Amino acid sequence: MPGRIHIRIYIRYIHKILILAIFVINGEHPEMKVNLFDPNGNTVYSKEGQIFVKLAFTATETGNHQVCIENYGSSPSKVNFEFLSGVAAKDYSAIAKKSNLKPIELNVNFITMIFFKIATKIRRHDVIFNSRT
């Protein structure tokens, strides 16, 4: 973006949909401001002076949401952005965290222990049964 420019993007979202917006700003001295407004003009999000912005929110109303990106510096900057909504916006990174796996690990260990106890009883029964014949 050239120095001192303001860009507005309108995106229509429906009520209760999850939205993820990612902005990456590149430049010598990035002096950018990112604002997000709901359909009524209320500020949902505002961040300034960042080179990476990740925003997740749930739309409270159906309508055009406005994203404003402003370069208030004098040097040009490049802005890459991506908007995801619905299932694509879900963050599944927390699913496989080690802390979440501990209860599963305990259950697997418990089931393994039960399996070996049953297998041992079956072997004992088989030995007793075979020794009688």
C-alpha atoms as a PDB file:
ATOM      1  CA  MET A   1       0.000   0.000   0.000  1.00  0.00           C
ATOM      2  CA  PRO A   2       1.369   3.448  -0.818  1.00  0.00           C
ATOM      3  CA  GLY A   3       2.021   5.763   2.084  1.00  0.00           C
ATOM      4  CA  ARG A   4      -1.004   7.453   3.696  1.00  0.00           C
ATOM      5  CA  ILE A   5      -3.828   5.421   2.187  1.00  0.00           C
ATOM      6  CA  HIS A   6      -7.079   4.027   3.587  1.00  0.00           C
ATOM      7  CA  ILE A   7      -8.733   0.883   2.158  1.00  0.00           C
ATOM      8  CA  ARG A   8     -12.196  -0.416   3.073  1.00  0.00           C
ATOM      9  CA  ILE A   9     -13.370  -3.953   2.431  1.00  0.00           C
ATOM     10  CA  TYR A  10     -16.988  -4.993   2.906  1.00  0.00           C
ATOM     11  CA  ILE A  11     -17.755  -8.645   3.630  1.00  0.00           C
ATOM     12  CA  ARG A  12     -21.241 -10.016   4.240  1.00  0.00           C
ATOM     13  CA  TYR A  13     -21.470 -12.463   7.147  1.00  0.00           C
ATOM     14  CA  ILE A  14     -24.474 -14.133   8.700  1.00  0.00           C
ATOM     15  CA  HIS A  15     -25.416 -14.145  12.376  1.00  0.00           C
ATOM     16  CA  LYS A  16     -23.452 -16.528  14.655  1.00  0.00           C
ATOM     17  CA  ILE A  17     -20.845 -17.524  12.069  1.00  0.00           C
ATOM     18  CA  LEU A  18     -17.238 -17.885  13.178  1.00  0.00           C
ATOM     19  CA  ILE A  19     -14.813 -15.613  11.331  1.00  0.00           C
ATOM     20  CA  LEU A  20     -11.030 -15.678  11.264  1.00  0.00           C
ATOM     21  CA  ALA A  21      -9.090 -12.793   9.726  1.00  0.00           C
ATOM     22  CA  ILE A  22      -5.320 -12.836   9.320  1.00  0.00           C
ATOM     23  CA  PHE A  23      -3.281  -9.800   8.263  1.00  0.00           C
ATOM     24  CA  VAL A  24       0.462  -9.809   7.574  1.00  0.00           C
ATOM     25  CA  ILE A  25       2.040  -6.409   6.968  1.00  0.00           C
ATOM     26  CA  ASN A  26       5.438  -6.068   5.259  1.00  0.00           C
ATOM     27  CA  GLY A  27       7.428  -2.894   4.763  1.00  0.00           C
ATOM     28  CA  GLU A  28      10.444  -0.955   5.966  1.00  0.00           C
ATOM     29  CA  HIS A  29       8.542   0.895   8.671  1.00  0.00           C
ATOM     30  CA  PRO A  30       5.009  -0.468   8.742  1.00  0.00           C
ATOM     31  CA  GLU A  31       2.683   2.039  10.345  1.00  0.00           C
ATOM     32  CA  MET A  32      -0.654   0.375   9.760  1.00  0.00           C
ATOM     33  CA  LYS A  33      -3.984   0.328  11.511  1.00  0.00           C
ATOM     34  CA  VAL A  34      -6.579  -2.443  11.120  1.00  0.00           C
ATOM     35  CA  ASN A  35     -10.195  -1.871  12.188  1.00  0.00           C
ATOM     36  CA  LEU A  36     -13.209  -4.149  11.956  1.00  0.00           C
ATOM     37  CA  PHE A  37     -16.742  -2.808  12.245  1.00  0.00           C
ATOM     38  CA  ASP A  38     -20.054  -4.651  12.535  1.00  0.00           C
ATOM     39  CA  PRO A  39     -23.022  -3.798  10.257  1.00  0.00           C
ATOM     40  CA  ASN A  40     -24.095  -1.014  12.680  1.00  0.00           C
ATOM     41  CA  GLY A  41     -20.679   0.675  12.588  1.00  0.00           C
ATOM     42  CA  ASN A  42     -19.601  -0.496  16.051  1.00  0.00           C
ATOM     43  CA  THR A  43     -15.910  -1.295  16.426  1.00  0.00           C
ATOM     44  CA  VAL A  44     -15.397  -5.034  16.844  1.00  0.00           C
ATOM     45  CA  TYR A  45     -11.605  -4.899  16.663  1.00  0.00           C
ATOM     46  CA  SER A  46      -8.881  -2.278  16.368  1.00  0.00           C
ATOM     47  CA  LYS A  47      -5.124  -2.808  16.269  1.00  0.00           C
ATOM     48  CA  GLU A  48      -2.324  -0.524  15.255  1.00  0.00           C
ATOM     49  CA  GLY A  49       1.440  -0.789  14.802  1.00  0.00           C
ATOM     50  CA  GLN A  50       1.442  -4.586  14.446  1.00  0.00           C
ATOM     51  CA  ILE A  51       3.016  -6.573  11.611  1.00  0.00           C
ATOM     52  CA  PHE A  52       0.873  -9.676  12.261  1.00  0.00           C
ATOM     53  CA  VAL A  53      -2.780  -9.567  13.258  1.00  0.00           C
ATOM     54  CA  LYS A  54      -4.930 -12.660  13.830  1.00  0.00           C
ATOM     55  CA  LEU A  55      -8.531 -12.008  14.724  1.00  0.00           C
ATOM     56  CA  ALA A  56     -11.233 -14.565  15.489  1.00  0.00           C
ATOM     57  CA  PHE A  57     -14.787 -13.554  16.338  1.00  0.00           C
ATOM     58  CA  THR A  58     -18.377 -14.665  15.968  1.00  0.00           C
ATOM     59  CA  ALA A  59     -20.648 -12.366  14.008  1.00  0.00           C
ATOM     60  CA  THR A  60     -23.389 -11.030  16.243  1.00  0.00           C
ATOM     61  CA  GLU A  61     -25.481  -9.771  13.335  1.00  0.00           C
ATOM     62  CA  THR A  62     -26.100 -10.580   9.704  1.00  0.00           C
ATOM     63  CA  GLY A  63     -24.855  -7.908   7.328  1.00  0.00           C
ATOM     64  CA  ASN A  64     -21.865  -6.203   5.791  1.00  0.00           C
ATOM     65  CA  HIS A  65     -18.869  -6.104   8.091  1.00  0.00           C
ATOM     66  CA  GLN A  66     -16.336  -3.434   7.225  1.00  0.00           C
ATOM     67  CA  VAL A  67     -12.587  -3.951   7.433  1.00  0.00           C
ATOM     68  CA  CYS A  68     -10.478  -0.799   7.225  1.00  0.00           C
ATOM     69  CA  ILE A  69      -6.740  -0.970   6.631  1.00  0.00           C
ATOM     70  CA  GLU A  70      -4.926   2.318   6.933  1.00  0.00           C
ATOM     71  CA  ASN A  71      -1.289   3.060   6.196  1.00  0.00           C
ATOM     72  CA  TYR A  72      -0.638   6.261   8.142  1.00  0.00           C
ATOM     73  CA  GLY A  73       3.118   6.132   7.525  1.00  0.00           C
ATOM     74  CA  SER A  74       4.983   7.728   4.661  1.00  0.00           C
ATOM     75  CA  SER A  75       6.614   4.536   3.317  1.00  0.00           C
ATOM     76  CA  PRO A  76       4.791   1.942   1.209  1.00  0.00           C
ATOM     77  CA  SER A  77       3.826  -1.372   2.803  1.00  0.00           C
ATOM     78  CA  LYS A  78       2.437  -4.636   1.498  1.00  0.00           C
ATOM     79  CA  VAL A  79      -0.593  -6.204   3.199  1.00  0.00           C
ATOM     80  CA  ASN A  80      -1.507  -9.873   2.808  1.00  0.00           C
ATOM     81  CA  PHE A  81      -4.821 -10.867   4.300  1.00  0.00           C
ATOM     82  CA  GLU A  82      -7.095 -13.868   4.447  1.00  0.00           C
ATOM     83  CA  PHE A  83     -10.662 -14.210   5.671  1.00  0.00           C
ATOM     84  CA  LEU A  84     -12.053 -17.583   6.687  1.00  0.00           C
ATOM     85  CA  SER A  85     -15.529 -18.333   7.966  1.00  0.00           C
ATOM     86  CA  GLY A  86     -17.528 -21.242   9.320  1.00  0.00           C
ATOM     87  CA  VAL A  87     -15.769 -24.615   9.483  1.00  0.00           C
ATOM     88  CA  ALA A  88     -12.680 -23.256   7.688  1.00  0.00           C
ATOM     89  CA  ALA A  89     -12.185 -20.746  10.525  1.00  0.00           C
ATOM     90  CA  LYS A  90     -12.105 -23.370  13.298  1.00  0.00           C
ATOM     91  CA  ASP A  91      -8.731 -23.736  14.986  1.00  0.00           C
ATOM     92  CA  TYR A  92      -8.043 -27.420  15.499  1.00  0.00           C
ATOM     93  CA  SER A  93      -4.494 -26.919  16.783  1.00  0.00           C
ATOM     94  CA  ALA A  94      -5.563 -27.424  20.422  1.00  0.00           C
ATOM     95  CA  ILE A  95      -6.925 -30.912  19.785  1.00  0.00           C
ATOM     96  CA  ALA A  96      -3.580 -32.715  19.789  1.00  0.00           C
ATOM     97  CA  LYS A  97      -1.928 -30.916  22.700  1.00  0.00           C
ATOM     98  CA  LYS A  98      -0.122 -33.144  25.163  1.00  0.00           C
ATOM     99  CA  SER A  99      -2.260 -31.937  28.077  1.00  0.00           C
ATOM    100  CA  ASN A 100      -5.402 -33.025  26.217  1.00  0.00           C
ATOM    101  CA  LEU A 101      -3.945 -36.462  25.504  1.00  0.00           C
ATOM    102  CA  LYS A 102      -3.274 -37.399  29.154  1.00  0.00           C
ATOM    103  CA  PRO A 103      -6.857 -38.609  29.884  1.00  0.00           C
ATOM    104  CA  ILE A 104      -6.850 -40.584  26.631  1.00  0.00           C
ATOM    105  CA  GLU A 105      -3.479 -42.105  27.522  1.00  0.00           C
ATOM    106  CA  LEU A 106      -4.809 -43.152  30.934  1.00  0.00           C
ATOM    107  CA  ASN A 107      -7.864 -44.765  29.333  1.00  0.00           C
ATOM    108  CA  VAL A 108      -5.694 -46.648  26.826  1.00  0.00           C
ATOM    109  CA  ASN A 109      -3.454 -47.896  29.644  1.00  0.00           C
ATOM    110  CA  PHE A 110      -6.523 -49.026  31.625  1.00  0.00           C
ATOM    111  CA  ILE A 111      -8.000 -50.861  28.637  1.00  0.00           C
ATOM    112  CA  THR A 112      -4.607 -52.482  27.903  1.00  0.00           C
ATOM    113  CA  MET A 113      -4.380 -53.674  31.511  1.00  0.00           C
ATOM    114  CA  ILE A 114      -7.880 -55.192  31.324  1.00  0.00           C
ATOM    115  CA  PHE A 115      -7.018 -56.854  28.017  1.00  0.00           C
ATOM    116  CA  PHE A 116      -3.916 -58.509  29.485  1.00  0.00           C
ATOM    117  CA  LYS A 117      -5.842 -59.698  32.566  1.00  0.00           C
ATOM    118  CA  ILE A 118      -8.472 -61.291  30.334  1.00  0.00           C
ATOM    119  CA  ALA A 119      -5.814 -62.799  28.073  1.00  0.00           C
ATOM    120  CA  THR A 120      -4.017 -64.262  31.112  1.00  0.00           C
ATOM    121  CA  LYS A 121      -7.268 -65.784  32.429  1.00  0.00           C
ATOM    122  CA  ILE A 122      -8.003 -67.281  29.010  1.00  0.00           C
ATOM    123  CA  ARG A 123      -4.500 -68.793  28.849  1.00  0.00           C
ATOM    124  CA  ARG A 124      -4.879 -70.234  32.366  1.00  0.00           C
ATOM    125  CA  HIS A 125      -8.259 -71.667  31.451  1.00  0.00           C
ATOM    126  CA  ASP A 126      -6.808 -73.119  28.252  1.00  0.00           C
ATOM    127  CA  VAL A 127      -3.900 -74.683  30.178  1.00  0.00           C
ATOM    128  CA  ILE A 128      -6.307 -76.219  32.704  1.00  0.00           C
ATOM    129  CA  PHE A 129      -8.595 -77.426  29.937  1.00  0.00           C
ATOM    130  CA  ASN A 130      -5.720 -78.943  27.923  1.00  0.00           C
ATOM    131  CA  SER A 131      -4.196 -80.650  30.973  1.00  0.00           C
ATOM    132  CA  ARG A 132      -7.487 -82.502  31.617  1.00  0.00           C
ATOM    133  CA  THR A 133      -7.564 -84.059  28.183  1.00  0.00           C
END
